[in-house]
Amino acid sequence: FDELCPSYCLEQLYIRGYFGWQLPKWMTSKASVRLDRLTSLKLDGLPCCTKLPDGLCQLSCLKLLQIRRAPAIERIGHEFLQIQQHNGDCHPSRAAVAFPILETLEFTVVLEWEEWVWEEHIQAMPLLHELTL
C-alpha cells in the first residue's frame, strides 16, 4: 500500500479496512502535495492505526474529512494541524490556515482517543459547519 502512487487529480479517496499501524507514506506532509485536489477523504476501519498522518491540514481543497472506526488512535498531536507552505493551493490567501475550506469533520468510533493537542496560535477550519465526535 505504501507503493501506491495516486493521481494528483484525485478528488475523492475512501480507504476502508486498512490494517497498518500507520497510514501510507504518500499521505504524510512531505507527500500530501500529490493530493492537493482532494476534496473528500474518508478513512473507515483502521483497527491497528495509532496515528493520523501529519500534513492532512495542508490539503487545501479538502471539504470533508471522516475518520471512522479507528479504535487504536489515542492522541491527535500538533502535527495534525502542522502547516508547511507549498504551491498548488486552491486558495493562496488561506495558505497559512489549517484545513482552509474544510466544512465537515467527523471522528466516530475512535474509542481510545484521549487527547487532541491544539496550539492556540494555530488558525484552523474557518469554514467548518459540521463537527461529529
N, C-alpha and C. Protein backbone atom coordinates (compact mmCIF):
# COMPACT_ATOMS: atom_id res chain seq x y z
N PHE A 1 0.83 -1.19 0.00
CA PHE A 1 0.00 0.00 0.00
C PHE A 1 0.87 1.26 0.00
N ASP A 2 2.06 1.16 0.62
CA ASP A 2 2.98 2.29 0.62
C ASP A 2 3.45 2.66 -0.77
N GLU A 3 3.50 1.70 -1.66
CA GLU A 3 4.00 1.93 -3.01
C GLU A 3 2.95 2.52 -3.94
N LEU A 4 1.71 2.56 -3.51
CA LEU A 4 0.65 3.16 -4.32
C LEU A 4 0.97 4.62 -4.57
N CYS A 5 0.75 5.06 -5.76
CA CYS A 5 1.02 6.46 -6.11
C CYS A 5 -0.24 7.04 -6.76
N PRO A 6 -1.15 7.57 -5.95
CA PRO A 6 -2.40 8.07 -6.51
C PRO A 6 -2.18 9.26 -7.43
N SER A 7 -3.08 9.43 -8.35
CA SER A 7 -3.02 10.54 -9.29
C SER A 7 -3.17 11.87 -8.56
N TYR A 8 -2.44 12.86 -9.01
CA TYR A 8 -2.56 14.19 -8.42
C TYR A 8 -3.93 14.80 -8.70
N CYS A 9 -4.68 14.24 -9.66
CA CYS A 9 -6.01 14.73 -10.00
C CYS A 9 -7.11 14.15 -9.11
N LEU A 10 -6.74 13.24 -8.22
CA LEU A 10 -7.71 12.57 -7.37
C LEU A 10 -8.50 13.58 -6.54
N GLU A 11 -9.82 13.47 -6.57
CA GLU A 11 -10.67 14.39 -5.81
C GLU A 11 -11.31 13.73 -4.61
N GLN A 12 -11.54 12.42 -4.66
CA GLN A 12 -12.15 11.70 -3.54
C GLN A 12 -11.34 10.44 -3.26
N LEU A 13 -11.12 10.18 -1.97
CA LEU A 13 -10.37 8.99 -1.57
C LEU A 13 -11.08 8.36 -0.38
N TYR A 14 -11.34 7.06 -0.50
CA TYR A 14 -12.00 6.31 0.57
C TYR A 14 -11.13 5.09 0.85
N ILE A 15 -10.57 5.03 2.04
CA ILE A 15 -9.76 3.89 2.46
C ILE A 15 -10.56 3.16 3.52
N ARG A 16 -10.81 1.88 3.26
CA ARG A 16 -11.64 1.09 4.18
C ARG A 16 -10.92 -0.21 4.50
N GLY A 17 -10.89 -0.55 5.79
CA GLY A 17 -10.31 -1.81 6.21
C GLY A 17 -8.80 -1.86 6.08
N TYR A 18 -8.13 -0.82 6.53
CA TYR A 18 -6.66 -0.77 6.46
C TYR A 18 -6.10 -1.24 7.79
N PHE A 19 -5.22 -2.24 7.75
CA PHE A 19 -4.72 -2.86 8.98
C PHE A 19 -3.31 -2.44 9.37
N GLY A 20 -2.73 -1.48 8.70
CA GLY A 20 -1.40 -0.99 9.07
C GLY A 20 -1.45 -0.17 10.35
N TRP A 21 -0.31 -0.06 11.05
CA TRP A 21 -0.28 0.72 12.29
C TRP A 21 -0.17 2.21 12.01
N GLN A 22 0.22 2.56 10.78
CA GLN A 22 0.16 3.96 10.36
C GLN A 22 -0.26 4.00 8.90
N LEU A 23 -0.85 5.09 8.51
CA LEU A 23 -1.31 5.22 7.13
C LEU A 23 -0.11 5.35 6.19
N PRO A 24 -0.30 5.10 4.91
CA PRO A 24 0.82 5.08 3.96
C PRO A 24 1.61 6.39 3.92
N LYS A 25 2.87 6.26 3.55
CA LYS A 25 3.78 7.41 3.50
C LYS A 25 3.32 8.48 2.52
N TRP A 26 2.62 8.08 1.47
CA TRP A 26 2.19 9.07 0.48
C TRP A 26 1.10 9.98 1.03
N MET A 27 0.62 9.72 2.24
CA MET A 27 -0.37 10.59 2.86
C MET A 27 0.26 11.57 3.86
N THR A 28 1.56 11.53 4.04
CA THR A 28 2.22 12.41 5.01
C THR A 28 2.45 13.80 4.43
N SER A 29 2.88 14.71 5.28
CA SER A 29 3.05 16.10 4.85
C SER A 29 4.01 16.26 3.69
N LYS A 30 5.04 15.45 3.64
CA LYS A 30 6.02 15.58 2.56
C LYS A 30 5.42 15.15 1.22
N ALA A 31 4.44 14.29 1.27
CA ALA A 31 3.86 13.78 0.03
C ALA A 31 2.46 14.30 -0.24
N SER A 32 1.83 14.96 0.71
CA SER A 32 0.43 15.35 0.56
C SER A 32 0.21 16.33 -0.59
N VAL A 33 1.26 16.95 -1.08
CA VAL A 33 1.13 17.84 -2.23
C VAL A 33 0.55 17.08 -3.41
N ARG A 34 0.84 15.81 -3.50
CA ARG A 34 0.31 14.98 -4.58
C ARG A 34 -1.22 14.93 -4.56
N LEU A 35 -1.78 15.16 -3.41
CA LEU A 35 -3.23 15.06 -3.25
C LEU A 35 -3.86 16.44 -3.11
N ASP A 36 -3.27 17.43 -3.72
CA ASP A 36 -3.72 18.80 -3.50
C ASP A 36 -5.08 19.13 -4.12
N ARG A 37 -5.67 18.22 -4.88
CA ARG A 37 -7.02 18.44 -5.42
C ARG A 37 -8.08 17.64 -4.66
N LEU A 38 -7.66 16.94 -3.64
CA LEU A 38 -8.57 16.09 -2.88
C LEU A 38 -9.60 16.94 -2.14
N THR A 39 -10.89 16.64 -2.36
CA THR A 39 -11.96 17.37 -1.68
C THR A 39 -12.62 16.53 -0.59
N SER A 40 -12.49 15.21 -0.69
CA SER A 40 -13.14 14.31 0.25
C SER A 40 -12.19 13.18 0.62
N LEU A 41 -11.98 13.00 1.94
CA LEU A 41 -11.13 11.91 2.43
C LEU A 41 -11.90 11.17 3.52
N LYS A 42 -12.15 9.88 3.27
CA LYS A 42 -12.85 9.04 4.23
C LYS A 42 -11.94 7.88 4.61
N LEU A 43 -11.69 7.74 5.90
CA LEU A 43 -10.88 6.65 6.43
C LEU A 43 -11.78 5.85 7.36
N ASP A 44 -12.04 4.62 7.01
CA ASP A 44 -13.02 3.81 7.74
C ASP A 44 -12.45 2.42 8.00
N GLY A 45 -12.44 2.02 9.27
CA GLY A 45 -11.97 0.70 9.61
C GLY A 45 -10.46 0.62 9.66
N LEU A 46 -9.88 1.30 10.63
CA LEU A 46 -8.43 1.33 10.81
C LEU A 46 -8.11 0.73 12.19
N PRO A 47 -8.30 -0.57 12.37
CA PRO A 47 -8.20 -1.15 13.71
C PRO A 47 -6.82 -1.09 14.36
N CYS A 48 -5.77 -1.00 13.58
CA CYS A 48 -4.41 -1.01 14.12
C CYS A 48 -3.71 0.33 14.02
N CYS A 49 -4.28 1.26 13.32
CA CYS A 49 -3.64 2.56 13.08
C CYS A 49 -3.61 3.38 14.37
N THR A 50 -2.41 3.78 14.78
CA THR A 50 -2.26 4.52 16.04
C THR A 50 -2.06 6.01 15.84
N LYS A 51 -1.85 6.43 14.60
CA LYS A 51 -1.52 7.83 14.34
C LYS A 51 -2.08 8.27 12.99
N LEU A 52 -2.64 9.45 12.97
CA LEU A 52 -3.07 10.05 11.70
C LEU A 52 -1.85 10.65 11.01
N PRO A 53 -1.83 10.67 9.69
CA PRO A 53 -0.68 11.24 9.00
C PRO A 53 -0.59 12.74 9.24
N ASP A 54 0.63 13.22 9.42
CA ASP A 54 0.81 14.66 9.56
C ASP A 54 0.63 15.32 8.19
N GLY A 55 0.18 16.52 8.21
CA GLY A 55 0.04 17.27 6.97
C GLY A 55 -1.32 17.19 6.31
N LEU A 56 -2.27 16.47 6.89
CA LEU A 56 -3.60 16.45 6.28
C LEU A 56 -4.17 17.86 6.16
N CYS A 57 -3.80 18.71 7.09
CA CYS A 57 -4.31 20.09 7.08
C CYS A 57 -3.83 20.88 5.87
N GLN A 58 -2.82 20.37 5.19
CA GLN A 58 -2.30 21.06 4.01
C GLN A 58 -3.08 20.74 2.74
N LEU A 59 -4.02 19.83 2.84
CA LEU A 59 -4.86 19.50 1.69
C LEU A 59 -5.84 20.66 1.52
N SER A 60 -5.42 21.63 0.76
CA SER A 60 -6.11 22.93 0.72
C SER A 60 -7.48 22.90 0.06
N CYS A 61 -7.83 21.82 -0.62
CA CYS A 61 -9.15 21.72 -1.25
C CYS A 61 -10.08 20.80 -0.48
N LEU A 62 -9.61 20.25 0.64
CA LEU A 62 -10.39 19.27 1.40
C LEU A 62 -11.61 19.93 2.05
N LYS A 63 -12.79 19.39 1.74
CA LYS A 63 -14.03 19.88 2.32
C LYS A 63 -14.63 18.90 3.32
N LEU A 64 -14.29 17.62 3.18
CA LEU A 64 -14.86 16.58 4.03
C LEU A 64 -13.74 15.67 4.52
N LEU A 65 -13.66 15.47 5.83
CA LEU A 65 -12.72 14.52 6.42
C LEU A 65 -13.49 13.67 7.42
N GLN A 66 -13.57 12.37 7.12
CA GLN A 66 -14.25 11.42 8.00
C GLN A 66 -13.24 10.38 8.47
N ILE A 67 -13.20 10.18 9.77
CA ILE A 67 -12.36 9.13 10.34
C ILE A 67 -13.29 8.29 11.21
N ARG A 68 -13.50 7.05 10.77
CA ARG A 68 -14.45 6.16 11.44
C ARG A 68 -13.77 4.85 11.81
N ARG A 69 -14.18 4.33 12.93
CA ARG A 69 -13.72 3.02 13.40
C ARG A 69 -12.19 2.93 13.39
N ALA A 70 -11.59 3.80 14.18
CA ALA A 70 -10.13 3.83 14.35
C ALA A 70 -9.84 3.72 15.84
N PRO A 71 -10.09 2.54 16.43
CA PRO A 71 -10.04 2.39 17.87
C PRO A 71 -8.64 2.51 18.49
N ALA A 72 -7.58 2.40 17.72
CA ALA A 72 -6.23 2.44 18.29
C ALA A 72 -5.66 3.86 18.40
N ILE A 73 -6.33 4.84 17.80
CA ILE A 73 -5.83 6.21 17.90
C ILE A 73 -6.15 6.75 19.29
N GLU A 74 -5.10 7.12 20.02
CA GLU A 74 -5.26 7.64 21.38
C GLU A 74 -5.06 9.14 21.45
N ARG A 75 -4.31 9.67 20.50
CA ARG A 75 -3.91 11.07 20.58
C ARG A 75 -3.84 11.66 19.17
N ILE A 76 -4.30 12.89 19.06
CA ILE A 76 -4.12 13.64 17.82
C ILE A 76 -3.18 14.78 18.19
N GLY A 77 -1.97 14.72 17.65
CA GLY A 77 -0.93 15.67 18.02
C GLY A 77 -0.93 16.93 17.19
N HIS A 78 0.00 17.82 17.52
CA HIS A 78 0.11 19.10 16.82
C HIS A 78 0.42 18.92 15.34
N GLU A 79 1.01 17.78 14.97
CA GLU A 79 1.34 17.54 13.57
C GLU A 79 0.09 17.44 12.68
N PHE A 80 -1.06 17.16 13.29
CA PHE A 80 -2.32 17.09 12.54
C PHE A 80 -2.66 18.46 11.94
N LEU A 81 -2.28 19.52 12.62
CA LEU A 81 -2.55 20.88 12.16
C LEU A 81 -1.28 21.62 11.72
N GLN A 82 -0.20 20.89 11.55
CA GLN A 82 1.08 21.49 11.18
C GLN A 82 1.03 22.02 9.76
N ILE A 83 1.39 23.28 9.58
CA ILE A 83 1.29 23.93 8.28
C ILE A 83 2.68 24.13 7.70
N GLN A 84 2.84 23.72 6.44
CA GLN A 84 4.05 23.99 5.67
C GLN A 84 3.59 24.57 4.35
N GLN A 85 4.18 25.67 3.94
CA GLN A 85 3.78 26.32 2.69
C GLN A 85 4.16 25.46 1.50
N HIS A 86 3.29 25.40 0.51
CA HIS A 86 3.60 24.74 -0.77
C HIS A 86 2.75 25.35 -1.87
N ASN A 87 3.15 25.14 -3.09
CA ASN A 87 2.41 25.67 -4.23
C ASN A 87 1.23 24.77 -4.56
N GLY A 88 0.32 25.24 -5.37
CA GLY A 88 -0.82 24.45 -5.78
C GLY A 88 -2.02 24.62 -4.87
N ASP A 89 -2.00 25.62 -4.03
CA ASP A 89 -3.09 25.86 -3.09
C ASP A 89 -4.34 26.33 -3.84
N CYS A 90 -5.49 25.81 -3.46
CA CYS A 90 -6.75 26.25 -4.07
C CYS A 90 -7.02 27.72 -3.75
N HIS A 91 -6.65 28.12 -2.55
CA HIS A 91 -6.91 29.47 -2.08
C HIS A 91 -5.61 30.02 -1.49
N PRO A 92 -4.75 30.59 -2.31
CA PRO A 92 -3.46 31.06 -1.82
C PRO A 92 -3.56 32.01 -0.64
N SER A 93 -4.59 32.81 -0.55
CA SER A 93 -4.72 33.74 0.57
C SER A 93 -4.97 33.02 1.89
N ARG A 94 -5.36 31.76 1.82
CA ARG A 94 -5.62 30.99 3.03
C ARG A 94 -4.53 29.96 3.29
N ALA A 95 -3.38 30.10 2.66
CA ALA A 95 -2.33 29.10 2.73
C ALA A 95 -1.83 28.87 4.15
N ALA A 96 -1.91 29.86 5.02
CA ALA A 96 -1.40 29.72 6.38
C ALA A 96 -2.45 29.21 7.36
N VAL A 97 -3.59 28.80 6.87
CA VAL A 97 -4.67 28.29 7.71
C VAL A 97 -4.78 26.78 7.52
N ALA A 98 -4.84 26.06 8.62
CA ALA A 98 -5.00 24.61 8.54
C ALA A 98 -6.42 24.28 8.10
N PHE A 99 -6.56 23.35 7.18
CA PHE A 99 -7.87 22.96 6.63
C PHE A 99 -8.67 24.20 6.21
N PRO A 100 -8.18 24.97 5.26
CA PRO A 100 -8.79 26.27 4.95
C PRO A 100 -10.23 26.23 4.47
N ILE A 101 -10.67 25.15 3.80
CA ILE A 101 -12.07 25.13 3.34
C ILE A 101 -12.82 23.90 3.85
N LEU A 102 -12.29 23.26 4.88
CA LEU A 102 -12.96 22.09 5.45
C LEU A 102 -14.32 22.49 6.00
N GLU A 103 -15.36 21.77 5.59
CA GLU A 103 -16.72 22.06 6.03
C GLU A 103 -17.24 21.02 7.00
N THR A 104 -16.80 19.76 6.83
CA THR A 104 -17.30 18.66 7.66
C THR A 104 -16.12 17.86 8.20
N LEU A 105 -16.10 17.69 9.52
CA LEU A 105 -15.08 16.89 10.19
C LEU A 105 -15.79 15.89 11.09
N GLU A 106 -15.48 14.62 10.89
CA GLU A 106 -16.17 13.57 11.65
C GLU A 106 -15.16 12.57 12.22
N PHE A 107 -15.24 12.36 13.52
CA PHE A 107 -14.50 11.30 14.19
C PHE A 107 -15.54 10.44 14.90
N THR A 108 -15.73 9.21 14.44
CA THR A 108 -16.67 8.31 15.12
C THR A 108 -16.00 6.98 15.39
N VAL A 109 -16.34 6.40 16.51
CA VAL A 109 -15.81 5.13 17.00
C VAL A 109 -14.27 5.18 17.03
N VAL A 110 -13.78 6.25 17.64
CA VAL A 110 -12.35 6.39 17.94
C VAL A 110 -12.28 6.21 19.46
N LEU A 111 -12.42 4.97 19.90
CA LEU A 111 -12.71 4.64 21.29
C LEU A 111 -11.61 4.99 22.29
N GLU A 112 -10.36 4.93 21.89
CA GLU A 112 -9.26 5.17 22.82
C GLU A 112 -8.75 6.61 22.80
N TRP A 113 -9.40 7.46 22.02
CA TRP A 113 -8.96 8.85 21.87
C TRP A 113 -9.06 9.57 23.20
N GLU A 114 -7.93 10.10 23.66
CA GLU A 114 -7.88 10.79 24.95
C GLU A 114 -7.47 12.25 24.85
N GLU A 115 -6.73 12.60 23.79
CA GLU A 115 -6.14 13.94 23.76
C GLU A 115 -6.06 14.47 22.33
N TRP A 116 -6.31 15.77 22.19
CA TRP A 116 -6.10 16.47 20.93
C TRP A 116 -5.27 17.70 21.27
N VAL A 117 -4.03 17.70 20.82
CA VAL A 117 -3.12 18.80 21.09
C VAL A 117 -3.37 19.89 20.05
N TRP A 118 -3.72 21.05 20.51
CA TRP A 118 -4.03 22.17 19.61
C TRP A 118 -3.32 23.40 20.16
N GLU A 119 -2.39 23.92 19.40
CA GLU A 119 -1.67 25.12 19.82
C GLU A 119 -2.55 26.33 19.54
N GLU A 120 -2.65 27.21 20.53
CA GLU A 120 -3.58 28.34 20.45
C GLU A 120 -3.34 29.27 19.27
N HIS A 121 -2.12 29.40 18.83
CA HIS A 121 -1.82 30.34 17.74
C HIS A 121 -2.19 29.78 16.36
N ILE A 122 -2.56 28.52 16.29
CA ILE A 122 -2.90 27.90 15.01
C ILE A 122 -4.30 28.33 14.57
N GLN A 123 -4.40 28.83 13.36
CA GLN A 123 -5.70 29.14 12.77
C GLN A 123 -6.13 27.94 11.96
N ALA A 124 -7.35 27.47 12.22
CA ALA A 124 -7.78 26.25 11.54
C ALA A 124 -9.28 26.24 11.30
N MET A 125 -9.66 25.60 10.21
CA MET A 125 -11.04 25.26 9.87
C MET A 125 -12.01 26.45 9.94
N PRO A 126 -11.73 27.55 9.27
CA PRO A 126 -12.62 28.70 9.37
C PRO A 126 -14.01 28.48 8.76
N LEU A 127 -14.16 27.49 7.87
CA LEU A 127 -15.45 27.26 7.23
C LEU A 127 -16.18 26.03 7.76
N LEU A 128 -15.69 25.46 8.85
CA LEU A 128 -16.29 24.25 9.40
C LEU A 128 -17.72 24.52 9.86
N HIS A 129 -18.69 23.72 9.36
CA HIS A 129 -20.04 23.86 9.88
C HIS A 129 -20.55 22.58 10.51
N GLU A 130 -19.86 21.49 10.35
CA GLU A 130 -20.32 20.25 10.96
C GLU A 130 -19.15 19.51 11.59
N LEU A 131 -19.27 19.28 12.90
CA LEU A 131 -18.27 18.52 13.65
C LEU A 131 -18.99 17.40 14.36
N THR A 132 -18.57 16.17 14.08
CA THR A 132 -19.17 15.00 14.72
C THR A 132 -18.08 14.27 15.49
N LEU A 133 -18.33 14.07 16.78
CA LEU A 133 -17.40 13.34 17.64
C LEU A 133 -18.10 12.16 18.26
